[in-house]
Amino acid sequence: MTPLREMIATHPHVKGNINDPLAAAAESAALCAAICRSCADACLGEDSVADLIQCIRLDLDCADVCQAFSNVALRRAGGDVPIIETLAQVCEAACRRCGEECRGHGERHEHCAICAIACEMCADACREARKTLGDAHHPAPAGTH
Protein backbone atom coordinates (compact mmCIF):
# COMPACT_ATOMS: atom_id res chain seq x y z
CA MET A 1 0.00 0.00 0.00
CA THR A 2 1.37 3.42 -0.91
CA PRO A 3 1.79 6.11 1.77
CA LEU A 4 -1.06 8.07 0.20
CA ARG A 5 -3.40 5.09 0.36
CA GLU A 6 -2.30 4.44 3.94
CA MET A 7 -3.25 8.03 4.74
CA ILE A 8 -6.67 7.63 3.13
CA ALA A 9 -7.24 4.38 5.03
CA THR A 10 -6.66 6.14 8.36
CA HIS A 11 -9.37 8.74 7.71
CA PRO A 12 -12.26 8.34 10.19
CA HIS A 13 -14.85 8.46 7.39
CA VAL A 14 -13.08 5.77 5.38
CA LYS A 15 -12.32 3.34 8.22
CA GLY A 16 -9.95 1.32 6.02
CA ASN A 17 -12.50 0.88 3.21
CA ILE A 18 -10.60 2.48 0.32
CA ASN A 19 -12.01 2.99 -3.16
CA ASP A 20 -8.85 1.67 -4.82
CA PRO A 21 -9.58 2.94 -8.35
CA LEU A 22 -10.31 6.43 -7.02
CA ALA A 23 -7.17 6.41 -4.86
CA ALA A 24 -5.14 5.18 -7.83
CA ALA A 25 -6.56 7.96 -10.01
CA ALA A 26 -5.78 10.59 -7.38
CA GLU A 27 -2.21 9.31 -7.12
CA SER A 28 -1.84 9.13 -10.89
CA ALA A 29 -3.21 12.65 -11.28
CA ALA A 30 -0.81 14.09 -8.69
CA LEU A 31 2.10 12.43 -10.46
CA CYS A 32 0.84 13.48 -13.89
CA ALA A 33 0.57 17.09 -12.71
CA ALA A 34 4.22 17.05 -11.66
CA ILE A 35 5.32 15.42 -14.91
CA CYS A 36 3.33 17.90 -17.01
CA ARG A 37 4.87 20.85 -15.15
CA SER A 38 8.30 19.35 -15.69
CA CYS A 39 7.59 18.76 -19.39
CA ALA A 40 6.48 22.38 -19.82
CA ASP A 41 9.69 23.54 -18.17
CA ALA A 42 11.76 21.25 -20.40
CA CYS A 43 9.91 22.56 -23.48
CA LEU A 44 10.86 26.09 -22.44
CA GLY A 45 14.49 25.00 -22.47
CA GLU A 46 14.37 23.67 -26.01
CA ASP A 47 15.85 25.64 -28.94
CA SER A 48 12.55 25.13 -30.80
CA VAL A 49 10.42 26.62 -28.01
CA ALA A 50 8.25 28.51 -30.52
CA ASP A 51 7.17 25.16 -32.00
CA LEU A 52 6.20 23.94 -28.54
CA ILE A 53 3.85 26.73 -27.46
CA GLN A 54 0.71 24.59 -27.71
CA CYS A 55 2.49 21.72 -25.95
CA ILE A 56 3.49 24.02 -23.11
CA ARG A 57 -0.05 25.36 -22.86
CA LEU A 58 -1.59 21.89 -22.73
CA ASP A 59 1.07 20.71 -20.24
CA LEU A 60 0.20 23.55 -17.88
CA ASP A 61 -3.56 23.16 -18.35
CA CYS A 62 -3.29 19.43 -17.74
CA ALA A 63 -1.14 19.97 -14.65
CA ASP A 64 -3.69 22.37 -13.16
CA VAL A 65 -6.64 20.08 -13.91
CA CYS A 66 -4.85 16.97 -12.61
CA GLN A 67 -3.87 18.75 -9.40
CA ALA A 68 -7.43 20.00 -8.84
CA PHE A 69 -8.87 16.53 -9.39
CA SER A 70 -6.31 14.92 -7.09
CA ASN A 71 -6.93 17.47 -4.35
CA VAL A 72 -10.71 17.00 -4.43
CA ALA A 73 -10.58 13.20 -4.83
CA LEU A 74 -8.35 12.86 -1.77
CA ARG A 75 -10.76 14.68 0.54
CA ARG A 76 -12.73 12.12 2.50
CA ALA A 77 -14.63 14.31 4.97
CA GLY A 78 -18.14 14.65 3.64
CA GLY A 79 -18.15 14.08 -0.09
CA ASP A 80 -19.43 15.51 -3.33
CA VAL A 81 -19.56 12.63 -5.78
CA PRO A 82 -20.94 14.72 -8.68
CA ILE A 83 -17.99 17.13 -8.42
CA ILE A 84 -15.47 14.30 -8.09
CA GLU A 85 -16.98 12.57 -11.11
CA THR A 86 -17.00 15.79 -13.15
CA LEU A 87 -13.39 16.56 -12.26
CA ALA A 88 -12.38 12.98 -13.14
CA GLN A 89 -14.03 13.42 -16.53
CA VAL A 90 -12.29 16.76 -17.10
CA CYS A 91 -8.98 15.29 -15.93
CA GLU A 92 -9.36 12.41 -18.38
CA ALA A 93 -10.09 14.85 -21.24
CA ALA A 94 -7.16 17.14 -20.35
CA CYS A 95 -4.83 14.16 -20.16
CA ARG A 96 -5.98 12.81 -23.51
CA ARG A 97 -5.40 16.20 -25.20
CA CYS A 98 -2.04 16.77 -23.55
CA GLY A 99 -0.95 13.21 -24.24
CA GLU A 100 -1.80 13.50 -27.92
CA GLU A 101 0.12 16.77 -28.23
CA CYS A 102 3.15 15.42 -26.36
CA ARG A 103 3.10 12.21 -28.36
CA GLY A 104 3.49 14.33 -31.50
CA HIS A 105 6.73 15.78 -30.11
CA GLY A 106 7.95 12.58 -28.48
CA GLU A 107 10.34 11.49 -31.22
CA ARG A 108 12.31 14.73 -30.92
CA HIS A 109 11.88 15.39 -27.21
CA GLU A 110 12.13 12.52 -24.71
CA HIS A 111 10.43 14.59 -22.01
CA CYS A 112 7.34 14.81 -24.23
CA ALA A 113 7.33 11.03 -24.75
CA ILE A 114 7.46 10.50 -20.99
CA CYS A 115 4.68 13.05 -20.45
CA ALA A 116 2.49 11.37 -23.07
CA ILE A 117 2.76 8.06 -21.21
CA ALA A 118 1.94 9.68 -17.85
CA CYS A 119 -1.08 11.43 -19.39
CA GLU A 120 -2.37 8.22 -20.93
CA MET A 121 -2.02 6.36 -17.63
CA CYS A 122 -3.82 9.13 -15.75
CA ALA A 123 -6.64 9.31 -18.29
CA ASP A 124 -7.16 5.56 -17.99
CA ALA A 125 -7.10 5.75 -14.18
CA CYS A 126 -9.69 8.55 -14.19
CA ARG A 127 -11.95 6.53 -16.49
CA GLU A 128 -11.70 3.52 -14.16
CA ALA A 129 -12.36 5.66 -11.08
CA ARG A 130 -15.51 7.12 -12.65
CA LYS A 131 -16.88 3.60 -13.03
CA THR A 132 -16.77 3.20 -9.24
CA LEU A 133 -18.61 6.39 -8.40
CA GLY A 134 -22.04 5.15 -9.44
CA ASP A 135 -24.88 7.53 -10.07
CA ALA A 136 -23.38 10.99 -9.70
CA HIS A 137 -26.65 12.33 -8.31
CA HIS A 138 -26.57 10.09 -5.26
CA PRO A 139 -23.64 10.20 -2.83
CA ALA A 140 -21.74 6.95 -2.52
CA PRO A 141 -21.76 5.24 0.87
CA ALA A 142 -19.10 6.39 3.33
CA GLY A 143 -15.68 5.11 2.40
CA THR A 144 -16.49 4.47 -1.25
CA HIS A 145 -16.35 8.02 -2.55
C-alpha atoms as a PDB file:
ATOM      1  CA  MET A   1       0.000   0.000   0.000  1.00  0.00           C
ATOM      2  CA  THR A   2       1.370   3.424  -0.910  1.00  0.00           C
ATOM      3  CA  PRO A   3       1.790   6.111   1.768  1.00  0.00           C
ATOM      4  CA  LEU A   4      -1.057   8.068   0.199  1.00  0.00           C
ATOM      5  CA  ARG A   5      -3.405   5.089   0.364  1.00  0.00           C
ATOM      6  CA  GLU A   6      -2.300   4.443   3.939  1.00  0.00           C
ATOM      7  CA  MET A   7      -3.245   8.034   4.742  1.00  0.00           C
ATOM      8  CA  ILE A   8      -6.666   7.631   3.128  1.00  0.00           C
ATOM      9  CA  ALA A   9      -7.238   4.376   5.030  1.00  0.00           C
ATOM     10  CA  THR A  10      -6.663   6.140   8.359  1.00  0.00           C
ATOM     11  CA  HIS A  11      -9.366   8.744   7.712  1.00  0.00           C
ATOM     12  CA  PRO A  12     -12.257   8.339  10.190  1.00  0.00           C
ATOM     13  CA  HIS A  13     -14.851   8.460   7.385  1.00  0.00           C
ATOM     14  CA  VAL A  14     -13.084   5.767   5.376  1.00  0.00           C
ATOM     15  CA  LYS A  15     -12.325   3.336   8.220  1.00  0.00           C
ATOM     16  CA  GLY A  16      -9.952   1.324   6.021  1.00  0.00           C
ATOM     17  CA  ASN A  17     -12.498   0.884   3.211  1.00  0.00           C
ATOM     18  CA  ILE A  18     -10.599   2.480   0.316  1.00  0.00           C
ATOM     19  CA  ASN A  19     -12.008   2.991  -3.163  1.00  0.00           C
ATOM     20  CA  ASP A  20      -8.849   1.668  -4.823  1.00  0.00           C
ATOM     21  CA  PRO A  21      -9.582   2.938  -8.351  1.00  0.00           C
ATOM     22  CA  LEU A  22     -10.308   6.432  -7.024  1.00  0.00           C
ATOM     23  CA  ALA A  23      -7.171   6.407  -4.861  1.00  0.00           C
ATOM     24  CA  ALA A  24      -5.136   5.182  -7.833  1.00  0.00           C
ATOM     25  CA  ALA A  25      -6.556   7.958 -10.007  1.00  0.00           C
ATOM     26  CA  ALA A  26      -5.777  10.589  -7.376  1.00  0.00           C
ATOM     27  CA  GLU A  27      -2.207   9.312  -7.125  1.00  0.00           C
ATOM     28  CA  SER A  28      -1.841   9.131 -10.893  1.00  0.00           C
ATOM     29  CA  ALA A  29      -3.209  12.648 -11.282  1.00  0.00           C
ATOM     30  CA  ALA A  30      -0.814  14.093  -8.692  1.00  0.00           C
ATOM     31  CA  LEU A  31       2.103  12.426 -10.461  1.00  0.00           C
ATOM     32  CA  CYS A  32       0.842  13.478 -13.894  1.00  0.00           C
ATOM     33  CA  ALA A  33       0.567  17.093 -12.706  1.00  0.00           C
ATOM     34  CA  ALA A  34       4.223  17.049 -11.656  1.00  0.00           C
ATOM     35  CA  ILE A  35       5.324  15.419 -14.908  1.00  0.00           C
ATOM     36  CA  CYS A  36       3.328  17.897 -17.015  1.00  0.00           C
ATOM     37  CA  ARG A  37       4.866  20.847 -15.153  1.00  0.00           C
ATOM     38  CA  SER A  38       8.304  19.354 -15.695  1.00  0.00           C
ATOM     39  CA  CYS A  39       7.586  18.756 -19.389  1.00  0.00           C
ATOM     40  CA  ALA A  40       6.478  22.378 -19.821  1.00  0.00           C
ATOM     41  CA  ASP A  41       9.685  23.543 -18.169  1.00  0.00           C
ATOM     42  CA  ALA A  42      11.764  21.253 -20.404  1.00  0.00           C
ATOM     43  CA  CYS A  43       9.914  22.557 -23.479  1.00  0.00           C
ATOM     44  CA  LEU A  44      10.861  26.087 -22.441  1.00  0.00           C
ATOM     45  CA  GLY A  45      14.495  24.995 -22.468  1.00  0.00           C
ATOM     46  CA  GLU A  46      14.369  23.667 -26.015  1.00  0.00           C
ATOM     47  CA  ASP A  47      15.845  25.637 -28.937  1.00  0.00           C
ATOM     48  CA  SER A  48      12.552  25.130 -30.804  1.00  0.00           C
ATOM     49  CA  VAL A  49      10.416  26.623 -28.005  1.00  0.00           C
ATOM     50  CA  ALA A  50       8.249  28.514 -30.525  1.00  0.00           C
ATOM     51  CA  ASP A  51       7.174  25.161 -31.999  1.00  0.00           C
ATOM     52  CA  LEU A  52       6.205  23.943 -28.539  1.00  0.00           C
ATOM     53  CA  ILE A  53       3.848  26.731 -27.461  1.00  0.00           C
ATOM     54  CA  GLN A  54       0.712  24.587 -27.709  1.00  0.00           C
ATOM     55  CA  CYS A  55       2.487  21.721 -25.946  1.00  0.00           C
ATOM     56  CA  ILE A  56       3.493  24.023 -23.106  1.00  0.00           C
ATOM     57  CA  ARG A  57      -0.053  25.361 -22.858  1.00  0.00           C
ATOM     58  CA  LEU A  58      -1.587  21.893 -22.725  1.00  0.00           C
ATOM     59  CA  ASP A  59       1.073  20.711 -20.241  1.00  0.00           C
ATOM     60  CA  LEU A  60       0.204  23.551 -17.880  1.00  0.00           C
ATOM     61  CA  ASP A  61      -3.559  23.165 -18.350  1.00  0.00           C
ATOM     62  CA  CYS A  62      -3.292  19.429 -17.735  1.00  0.00           C
ATOM     63  CA  ALA A  63      -1.141  19.967 -14.652  1.00  0.00           C
ATOM     64  CA  ASP A  64      -3.693  22.367 -13.163  1.00  0.00           C
ATOM     65  CA  VAL A  65      -6.643  20.079 -13.913  1.00  0.00           C
ATOM     66  CA  CYS A  66      -4.848  16.975 -12.609  1.00  0.00           C
ATOM     67  CA  GLN A  67      -3.873  18.749  -9.402  1.00  0.00           C
ATOM     68  CA  ALA A  68      -7.426  20.003  -8.836  1.00  0.00           C
ATOM     69  CA  PHE A  69      -8.874  16.528  -9.391  1.00  0.00           C
ATOM     70  CA  SER A  70      -6.312  14.924  -7.087  1.00  0.00           C
ATOM     71  CA  ASN A  71      -6.931  17.468  -4.351  1.00  0.00           C
ATOM     72  CA  VAL A  72     -10.708  16.997  -4.432  1.00  0.00           C
ATOM     73  CA  ALA A  73     -10.576  13.202  -4.833  1.00  0.00           C
ATOM     74  CA  LEU A  74      -8.352  12.858  -1.766  1.00  0.00           C
ATOM     75  CA  ARG A  75     -10.765  14.680   0.540  1.00  0.00           C
ATOM     76  CA  ARG A  76     -12.727  12.120   2.500  1.00  0.00           C
ATOM     77  CA  ALA A  77     -14.626  14.313   4.970  1.00  0.00           C
ATOM     78  CA  GLY A  78     -18.139  14.652   3.637  1.00  0.00           C
ATOM     79  CA  GLY A  79     -18.151  14.085  -0.086  1.00  0.00           C
ATOM     80  CA  ASP A  80     -19.426  15.508  -3.326  1.00  0.00           C
ATOM     81  CA  VAL A  81     -19.562  12.631  -5.779  1.00  0.00           C
ATOM     82  CA  PRO A  82     -20.944  14.719  -8.681  1.00  0.00           C
ATOM     83  CA  ILE A  83     -17.992  17.129  -8.419  1.00  0.00           C
ATOM     84  CA  ILE A  84     -15.470  14.300  -8.091  1.00  0.00           C
ATOM     85  CA  GLU A  85     -16.984  12.574 -11.112  1.00  0.00           C
ATOM     86  CA  THR A  86     -16.997  15.794 -13.154  1.00  0.00           C
ATOM     87  CA  LEU A  87     -13.388  16.556 -12.265  1.00  0.00           C
ATOM     88  CA  ALA A  88     -12.376  12.980 -13.136  1.00  0.00           C
ATOM     89  CA  GLN A  89     -14.029  13.420 -16.529  1.00  0.00           C
ATOM     90  CA  VAL A  90     -12.290  16.764 -17.103  1.00  0.00           C
ATOM     91  CA  CYS A  91      -8.985  15.286 -15.934  1.00  0.00           C
ATOM     92  CA  GLU A  92      -9.365  12.413 -18.381  1.00  0.00           C
ATOM     93  CA  ALA A  93     -10.086  14.846 -21.235  1.00  0.00           C
ATOM     94  CA  ALA A  94      -7.162  17.140 -20.353  1.00  0.00           C
ATOM     95  CA  CYS A  95      -4.825  14.162 -20.160  1.00  0.00           C
ATOM     96  CA  ARG A  96      -5.979  12.807 -23.505  1.00  0.00           C
ATOM     97  CA  ARG A  97      -5.405  16.201 -25.198  1.00  0.00           C
ATOM     98  CA  CYS A  98      -2.041  16.773 -23.552  1.00  0.00           C
ATOM     99  CA  GLY A  99      -0.952  13.213 -24.238  1.00  0.00           C
ATOM    100  CA  GLU A 100      -1.802  13.503 -27.920  1.00  0.00           C
ATOM    101  CA  GLU A 101       0.120  16.770 -28.226  1.00  0.00           C
ATOM    102  CA  CYS A 102       3.148  15.420 -26.362  1.00  0.00           C
ATOM    103  CA  ARG A 103       3.104  12.205 -28.362  1.00  0.00           C
ATOM    104  CA  GLY A 104       3.486  14.330 -31.497  1.00  0.00           C
ATOM    105  CA  HIS A 105       6.731  15.777 -30.114  1.00  0.00           C
ATOM    106  CA  GLY A 106       7.946  12.578 -28.482  1.00  0.00           C
ATOM    107  CA  GLU A 107      10.340  11.493 -31.224  1.00  0.00           C
ATOM    108  CA  ARG A 108      12.314  14.734 -30.922  1.00  0.00           C
ATOM    109  CA  HIS A 109      11.876  15.391 -27.207  1.00  0.00           C
ATOM    110  CA  GLU A 110      12.132  12.524 -24.712  1.00  0.00           C
ATOM    111  CA  HIS A 111      10.431  14.592 -22.005  1.00  0.00           C
ATOM    112  CA  CYS A 112       7.344  14.814 -24.226  1.00  0.00           C
ATOM    113  CA  ALA A 113       7.334  11.034 -24.753  1.00  0.00           C
ATOM    114  CA  ILE A 114       7.457  10.500 -20.988  1.00  0.00           C
ATOM    115  CA  CYS A 115       4.684  13.047 -20.451  1.00  0.00           C
ATOM    116  CA  ALA A 116       2.492  11.370 -23.073  1.00  0.00           C
ATOM    117  CA  ILE A 117       2.758   8.059 -21.212  1.00  0.00           C
ATOM    118  CA  ALA A 118       1.936   9.680 -17.850  1.00  0.00           C
ATOM    119  CA  CYS A 119      -1.077  11.430 -19.391  1.00  0.00           C
ATOM    120  CA  GLU A 120      -2.369   8.217 -20.931  1.00  0.00           C
ATOM    121  CA  MET A 121      -2.017   6.360 -17.629  1.00  0.00           C
ATOM    122  CA  CYS A 122      -3.816   9.133 -15.751  1.00  0.00           C
ATOM    123  CA  ALA A 123      -6.642   9.307 -18.293  1.00  0.00           C
ATOM    124  CA  ASP A 124      -7.156   5.555 -17.989  1.00  0.00           C
ATOM    125  CA  ALA A 125      -7.095   5.751 -14.182  1.00  0.00           C
ATOM    126  CA  CYS A 126      -9.689   8.546 -14.190  1.00  0.00           C
ATOM    127  CA  ARG A 127     -11.948   6.532 -16.489  1.00  0.00           C
ATOM    128  CA  GLU A 128     -11.696   3.521 -14.161  1.00  0.00           C
ATOM    129  CA  ALA A 129     -12.364   5.665 -11.081  1.00  0.00           C
ATOM    130  CA  ARG A 130     -15.512   7.120 -12.650  1.00  0.00           C
ATOM    131  CA  LYS A 131     -16.882   3.597 -13.030  1.00  0.00           C
ATOM    132  CA  THR A 132     -16.774   3.200  -9.238  1.00  0.00           C
ATOM    133  CA  LEU A 133     -18.611   6.393  -8.403  1.00  0.00           C
ATOM    134  CA  GLY A 134     -22.035   5.151  -9.441  1.00  0.00           C
ATOM    135  CA  ASP A 135     -24.882   7.532 -10.069  1.00  0.00           C
ATOM    136  CA  ALA A 136     -23.376  10.987  -9.698  1.00  0.00           C
ATOM    137  CA  HIS A 137     -26.646  12.332  -8.313  1.00  0.00           C
ATOM    138  CA  HIS A 138     -26.575  10.086  -5.263  1.00  0.00           C
ATOM    139  CA  PRO A 139     -23.641  10.198  -2.835  1.00  0.00           C
ATOM    140  CA  ALA A 140     -21.742   6.952  -2.522  1.00  0.00           C
ATOM    141  CA  PRO A 141     -21.762   5.239   0.871  1.00  0.00           C
ATOM    142  CA  ALA A 142     -19.101   6.390   3.331  1.00  0.00           C
ATOM    143  CA  GLY A 143     -15.676   5.112   2.405  1.00  0.00           C
ATOM    144  CA  THR A 144     -16.490   4.473  -1.247  1.00  0.00           C
ATOM    145  CA  HIS A 145     -16.347   8.018  -2.553  1.00  0.00           C
END
